[in-house]
């Protein structure tokens, strides 16, 4: 009986931990307000010293276009560093910014 109670407590703890680990996804619309093609978009939580994978993958964001972005990294943070890279030959340099993504429904990158 004692072994059964320990197993039940351990199972309950695992279920509670798994529920707490599922943070809500961050969703917003990214708009390209520049005259250049946005080729790469990276994010990382503030305080992380390396960029996460390119959010776009093989996609790009053309001038004037918008794209819904979902950050589903399981973290419970809202402040993210963002890095934007533009097509080769563009007159725009790589741009970075930091935003509280929980408080915004859209973000426009400008020249």
N, C-alpha and C. Protein backbone atom coordinates (compact mmCIF):
# COMPACT_ATOMS: atom_id res chain seq x y z
N UNK A 1 0.82 -1.19 0.00
CA UNK A 1 0.00 0.00 0.00
C UNK A 1 0.87 1.26 0.00
N UNK A 2 1.98 1.21 0.76
CA UNK A 2 2.87 2.36 0.84
C UNK A 2 3.50 2.66 -0.52
N UNK A 3 3.88 1.60 -1.26
CA UNK A 3 4.47 1.77 -2.59
C UNK A 3 3.45 2.38 -3.55
N UNK A 4 2.19 2.00 -3.41
CA UNK A 4 1.13 2.53 -4.27
C UNK A 4 0.94 4.03 -4.04
N UNK A 5 0.99 4.47 -2.78
CA UNK A 5 0.84 5.90 -2.47
C UNK A 5 2.01 6.71 -3.03
N UNK A 6 3.22 6.18 -2.92
CA UNK A 6 4.39 6.89 -3.46
C UNK A 6 4.27 7.00 -4.97
N UNK A 7 3.83 5.95 -5.63
CA UNK A 7 3.65 5.99 -7.08
C UNK A 7 2.58 6.99 -7.47
N UNK A 8 1.49 7.06 -6.70
CA UNK A 8 0.41 8.01 -7.00
C UNK A 8 0.88 9.45 -6.83
N UNK A 9 1.66 9.71 -5.79
CA UNK A 9 2.19 11.07 -5.57
C UNK A 9 3.16 11.43 -6.69
N UNK A 10 4.01 10.51 -7.08
CA UNK A 10 4.97 10.77 -8.15
C UNK A 10 4.26 11.04 -9.47
N UNK A 11 3.22 10.28 -9.77
CA UNK A 11 2.44 10.49 -11.00
C UNK A 11 1.76 11.85 -10.98
N UNK A 12 1.17 12.21 -9.86
CA UNK A 12 0.49 13.51 -9.74
C UNK A 12 1.49 14.65 -9.92
N UNK A 13 2.68 14.50 -9.34
CA UNK A 13 3.70 15.55 -9.48
C UNK A 13 4.13 15.69 -10.94
N UNK A 14 4.26 14.59 -11.64
CA UNK A 14 4.64 14.64 -13.06
C UNK A 14 3.56 15.34 -13.89
N UNK A 15 2.31 15.06 -13.60
CA UNK A 15 1.21 15.68 -14.34
C UNK A 15 1.19 17.19 -14.07
N UNK A 16 1.36 17.59 -12.82
CA UNK A 16 1.37 19.01 -12.50
C UNK A 16 2.54 19.72 -13.15
N UNK A 17 3.71 19.09 -13.13
CA UNK A 17 4.88 19.69 -13.74
C UNK A 17 4.70 19.84 -15.24
N UNK A 18 4.15 18.84 -15.89
CA UNK A 18 3.93 18.89 -17.34
C UNK A 18 2.96 20.01 -17.68
N UNK A 19 1.95 20.22 -16.88
CA UNK A 19 0.98 21.30 -17.13
C UNK A 19 1.62 22.66 -16.97
N UNK A 20 2.50 22.81 -15.98
CA UNK A 20 3.17 24.09 -15.75
C UNK A 20 4.19 24.38 -16.84
N UNK A 21 4.75 23.35 -17.45
CA UNK A 21 5.79 23.55 -18.46
C UNK A 21 5.21 24.03 -19.79
N UNK A 22 3.93 23.86 -20.01
CA UNK A 22 3.31 24.29 -21.26
C UNK A 22 2.92 25.76 -21.18
N UNK A 23 3.86 26.65 -21.46
CA UNK A 23 3.59 28.08 -21.43
C UNK A 23 2.76 28.45 -22.65
N UNK A 24 2.08 29.55 -22.56
CA UNK A 24 1.24 29.99 -23.67
C UNK A 24 2.12 30.50 -24.81
N UNK A 25 1.77 30.15 -26.04
CA UNK A 25 2.51 30.60 -27.21
C UNK A 25 2.37 32.11 -27.38
N UNK A 26 3.43 32.75 -27.86
CA UNK A 26 3.39 34.17 -28.19
C UNK A 26 3.05 34.30 -29.66
N UNK A 27 2.00 35.04 -29.97
CA UNK A 27 1.54 35.18 -31.35
C UNK A 27 1.40 36.67 -31.67
N UNK A 28 1.97 37.09 -32.79
CA UNK A 28 1.83 38.47 -33.24
C UNK A 28 2.02 38.51 -34.76
N UNK A 29 1.64 39.63 -35.36
CA UNK A 29 1.81 39.83 -36.79
C UNK A 29 3.04 40.68 -37.03
N UNK A 30 3.95 40.20 -37.85
CA UNK A 30 5.14 40.95 -38.24
C UNK A 30 4.88 41.58 -39.59
N UNK A 31 5.07 42.89 -39.67
CA UNK A 31 4.86 43.62 -40.92
C UNK A 31 6.19 44.19 -41.41
N UNK A 32 6.44 44.05 -42.71
CA UNK A 32 7.65 44.60 -43.31
C UNK A 32 7.30 45.96 -43.89
N UNK A 33 7.66 47.01 -43.16
CA UNK A 33 7.41 48.37 -43.60
C UNK A 33 8.60 48.99 -44.31
N UNK A 34 9.51 48.15 -44.80
CA UNK A 34 10.68 48.65 -45.52
C UNK A 34 10.49 48.44 -47.02
N UNK A 35 11.46 48.88 -47.79
CA UNK A 35 11.46 48.66 -49.24
C UNK A 35 12.36 47.49 -49.64
N UNK A 36 12.76 46.70 -48.66
CA UNK A 36 13.66 45.56 -48.91
C UNK A 36 13.03 44.27 -48.42
N UNK A 37 13.48 43.15 -49.01
CA UNK A 37 13.00 41.84 -48.60
C UNK A 37 13.66 41.46 -47.28
N UNK A 38 12.85 41.09 -46.32
CA UNK A 38 13.32 40.62 -45.02
C UNK A 38 13.55 39.11 -45.16
N UNK A 39 14.81 38.70 -45.07
CA UNK A 39 15.15 37.30 -45.36
C UNK A 39 15.25 36.42 -44.12
N UNK A 40 15.62 37.00 -42.99
CA UNK A 40 15.78 36.22 -41.76
C UNK A 40 15.25 36.99 -40.57
N UNK A 41 14.62 36.26 -39.65
CA UNK A 41 14.09 36.85 -38.43
C UNK A 41 14.42 35.90 -37.28
N UNK A 42 15.22 36.41 -36.34
CA UNK A 42 15.64 35.61 -35.20
C UNK A 42 15.08 36.22 -33.91
N UNK A 43 14.77 35.37 -32.95
CA UNK A 43 14.36 35.84 -31.63
C UNK A 43 15.11 35.04 -30.57
N UNK A 44 15.26 35.65 -29.42
CA UNK A 44 15.79 34.98 -28.23
C UNK A 44 15.27 35.73 -27.03
N UNK A 45 14.95 35.03 -25.96
CA UNK A 45 14.55 35.73 -24.75
C UNK A 45 15.68 36.64 -24.28
N UNK A 46 15.33 37.78 -23.72
CA UNK A 46 16.33 38.70 -23.18
C UNK A 46 17.19 37.94 -22.18
N UNK A 47 18.50 38.11 -22.26
CA UNK A 47 19.41 37.44 -21.36
C UNK A 47 20.03 36.17 -21.92
N UNK A 48 19.48 35.66 -23.03
CA UNK A 48 20.07 34.51 -23.70
C UNK A 48 21.09 35.05 -24.69
N UNK A 49 22.30 34.53 -24.65
CA UNK A 49 23.40 35.12 -25.41
C UNK A 49 23.53 34.63 -26.84
N UNK A 50 22.66 33.73 -27.28
CA UNK A 50 22.71 33.25 -28.66
C UNK A 50 21.33 33.36 -29.28
N UNK A 51 21.28 33.58 -30.58
CA UNK A 51 20.01 33.65 -31.29
C UNK A 51 19.44 32.25 -31.48
N UNK A 52 18.13 32.14 -31.36
CA UNK A 52 17.44 30.89 -31.66
C UNK A 52 17.44 30.70 -33.19
N UNK A 53 16.84 29.63 -33.69
CA UNK A 53 16.77 29.38 -35.13
C UNK A 53 15.99 30.48 -35.85
N UNK A 54 16.26 30.63 -37.14
CA UNK A 54 15.55 31.59 -37.98
C UNK A 54 14.06 31.24 -37.98
N UNK A 55 13.22 32.17 -37.59
CA UNK A 55 11.78 31.95 -37.50
C UNK A 55 11.19 31.70 -38.89
N UNK A 56 11.73 32.35 -39.92
CA UNK A 56 11.18 32.24 -41.27
C UNK A 56 11.45 30.89 -41.92
N UNK A 57 12.51 30.23 -41.55
CA UNK A 57 12.88 29.01 -42.27
C UNK A 57 13.26 29.37 -43.69
N UNK A 58 12.54 28.85 -44.68
CA UNK A 58 12.83 29.14 -46.08
C UNK A 58 11.98 30.28 -46.63
N UNK A 59 11.11 30.84 -45.82
CA UNK A 59 10.25 31.93 -46.28
C UNK A 59 10.96 33.27 -46.16
N UNK A 60 10.43 34.27 -46.84
CA UNK A 60 10.89 35.64 -46.72
C UNK A 60 9.66 36.52 -46.55
N UNK A 61 9.89 37.76 -46.15
CA UNK A 61 8.79 38.72 -46.02
C UNK A 61 9.08 39.90 -46.93
N UNK A 62 8.33 39.99 -48.01
CA UNK A 62 8.52 41.04 -49.00
C UNK A 62 8.05 42.39 -48.47
N UNK A 63 8.51 43.48 -49.09
CA UNK A 63 8.08 44.82 -48.67
C UNK A 63 6.54 44.92 -48.67
N UNK A 64 6.01 45.48 -47.58
CA UNK A 64 4.57 45.69 -47.47
C UNK A 64 3.78 44.47 -47.02
N UNK A 65 4.41 43.30 -46.96
CA UNK A 65 3.70 42.08 -46.55
C UNK A 65 3.71 41.91 -45.04
N UNK A 66 2.79 41.07 -44.57
CA UNK A 66 2.68 40.72 -43.15
C UNK A 66 2.71 39.21 -43.02
N UNK A 67 3.12 38.74 -41.84
CA UNK A 67 3.15 37.31 -41.56
C UNK A 67 2.81 37.11 -40.09
N UNK A 68 1.96 36.13 -39.81
CA UNK A 68 1.68 35.78 -38.42
C UNK A 68 2.84 34.96 -37.89
N UNK A 69 3.36 35.35 -36.73
CA UNK A 69 4.50 34.71 -36.10
C UNK A 69 4.03 34.06 -34.80
N UNK A 70 4.43 32.82 -34.59
CA UNK A 70 4.15 32.13 -33.33
C UNK A 70 5.47 31.69 -32.74
N UNK A 71 5.72 32.10 -31.51
CA UNK A 71 6.90 31.65 -30.79
C UNK A 71 6.40 30.66 -29.74
N UNK A 72 6.65 29.40 -29.99
CA UNK A 72 6.17 28.32 -29.11
C UNK A 72 7.38 27.61 -28.52
N UNK A 73 8.18 28.36 -27.76
CA UNK A 73 9.40 27.79 -27.21
C UNK A 73 9.24 27.23 -25.80
N UNK A 74 8.02 27.31 -25.26
CA UNK A 74 7.75 26.75 -23.95
C UNK A 74 8.23 27.61 -22.79
N UNK A 75 8.79 28.75 -23.08
CA UNK A 75 9.26 29.63 -22.01
C UNK A 75 8.11 30.49 -21.50
N UNK A 76 8.25 30.96 -20.28
CA UNK A 76 7.23 31.81 -19.68
C UNK A 76 7.72 33.25 -19.60
N UNK A 77 8.41 33.69 -20.62
CA UNK A 77 8.94 35.05 -20.66
C UNK A 77 8.24 35.83 -21.76
N UNK A 78 8.22 37.14 -21.64
CA UNK A 78 7.58 37.99 -22.63
C UNK A 78 8.57 38.86 -23.38
N UNK A 79 9.69 39.22 -22.75
CA UNK A 79 10.65 40.13 -23.38
C UNK A 79 11.63 39.33 -24.24
N UNK A 80 11.63 39.69 -25.53
CA UNK A 80 12.48 39.01 -26.51
C UNK A 80 13.33 40.01 -27.26
N UNK A 81 14.58 39.60 -27.53
CA UNK A 81 15.42 40.31 -28.48
C UNK A 81 15.04 39.80 -29.86
N UNK A 82 15.05 40.69 -30.84
CA UNK A 82 14.72 40.32 -32.21
C UNK A 82 15.82 40.83 -33.14
N UNK A 83 16.14 40.03 -34.15
CA UNK A 83 17.15 40.41 -35.14
C UNK A 83 16.57 40.20 -36.52
N UNK A 84 16.69 41.24 -37.36
CA UNK A 84 16.14 41.24 -38.71
C UNK A 84 17.28 41.38 -39.71
N UNK A 85 17.30 40.47 -40.70
CA UNK A 85 18.31 40.54 -41.76
C UNK A 85 17.62 40.70 -43.10
N UNK A 86 18.22 41.52 -43.95
CA UNK A 86 17.63 41.85 -45.25
C UNK A 86 18.44 41.23 -46.38
N UNK A 87 17.81 41.16 -47.57
CA UNK A 87 18.45 40.53 -48.72
C UNK A 87 19.79 41.18 -49.05
N UNK A 88 20.67 40.38 -49.65
CA UNK A 88 21.95 40.90 -50.09
C UNK A 88 21.72 42.02 -51.09
N UNK A 89 22.52 43.04 -51.02
CA UNK A 89 22.38 44.17 -51.93
C UNK A 89 21.41 45.23 -51.43
N UNK A 90 20.74 44.94 -50.34
CA UNK A 90 19.83 45.92 -49.75
C UNK A 90 20.65 47.03 -49.12
N UNK A 91 20.07 48.21 -49.05
CA UNK A 91 20.78 49.31 -48.40
C UNK A 91 20.51 49.32 -46.88
N UNK A 92 19.83 48.27 -46.38
CA UNK A 92 19.52 48.19 -44.95
C UNK A 92 20.48 47.25 -44.23
N UNK A 93 20.94 47.68 -43.08
CA UNK A 93 21.80 46.84 -42.25
C UNK A 93 20.95 45.92 -41.39
N UNK A 94 21.58 44.90 -40.83
CA UNK A 94 20.91 44.05 -39.86
C UNK A 94 20.43 44.94 -38.72
N UNK A 95 19.20 44.72 -38.30
CA UNK A 95 18.56 45.54 -37.27
C UNK A 95 18.18 44.67 -36.08
N UNK A 96 18.33 45.22 -34.88
CA UNK A 96 17.89 44.50 -33.68
C UNK A 96 16.96 45.39 -32.86
N UNK A 97 16.14 44.74 -32.06
CA UNK A 97 15.20 45.45 -31.18
C UNK A 97 14.83 44.51 -30.04
N UNK A 98 14.32 45.07 -28.97
CA UNK A 98 13.82 44.29 -27.83
C UNK A 98 12.40 44.75 -27.55
N UNK A 99 11.48 43.79 -27.41
CA UNK A 99 10.08 44.11 -27.17
C UNK A 99 9.46 43.12 -26.19
N UNK A 100 8.40 43.57 -25.51
CA UNK A 100 7.57 42.69 -24.71
C UNK A 100 6.51 42.13 -25.65
N UNK A 101 6.69 40.92 -26.12
CA UNK A 101 5.82 40.35 -27.14
C UNK A 101 4.45 39.95 -26.59
N UNK A 102 4.30 39.86 -25.28
CA UNK A 102 3.00 39.55 -24.69
C UNK A 102 2.04 40.73 -24.79
N UNK A 103 2.59 41.93 -24.92
CA UNK A 103 1.77 43.15 -24.91
C UNK A 103 1.46 43.68 -26.30
N UNK A 104 1.87 42.99 -27.35
CA UNK A 104 1.66 43.53 -28.68
C UNK A 104 1.00 42.51 -29.59
N UNK A 105 0.17 43.00 -30.48
CA UNK A 105 -0.47 42.11 -31.45
C UNK A 105 0.20 42.21 -32.81
N UNK A 106 0.98 43.28 -33.02
CA UNK A 106 1.71 43.41 -34.28
C UNK A 106 2.99 44.22 -34.06
N UNK A 107 3.94 44.00 -34.96
CA UNK A 107 5.21 44.72 -34.94
C UNK A 107 5.57 45.04 -36.37
N UNK A 108 5.91 46.30 -36.64
CA UNK A 108 6.31 46.71 -37.99
C UNK A 108 7.78 47.11 -37.97
N UNK A 109 8.55 46.49 -38.86
CA UNK A 109 9.95 46.87 -39.02
C UNK A 109 9.99 48.00 -40.06
N UNK A 110 10.67 49.09 -39.68
CA UNK A 110 10.79 50.27 -40.56
C UNK A 110 12.24 50.49 -40.95
N UNK A 111 12.43 51.26 -42.01
CA UNK A 111 13.80 51.61 -42.43
C UNK A 111 14.38 52.62 -41.48
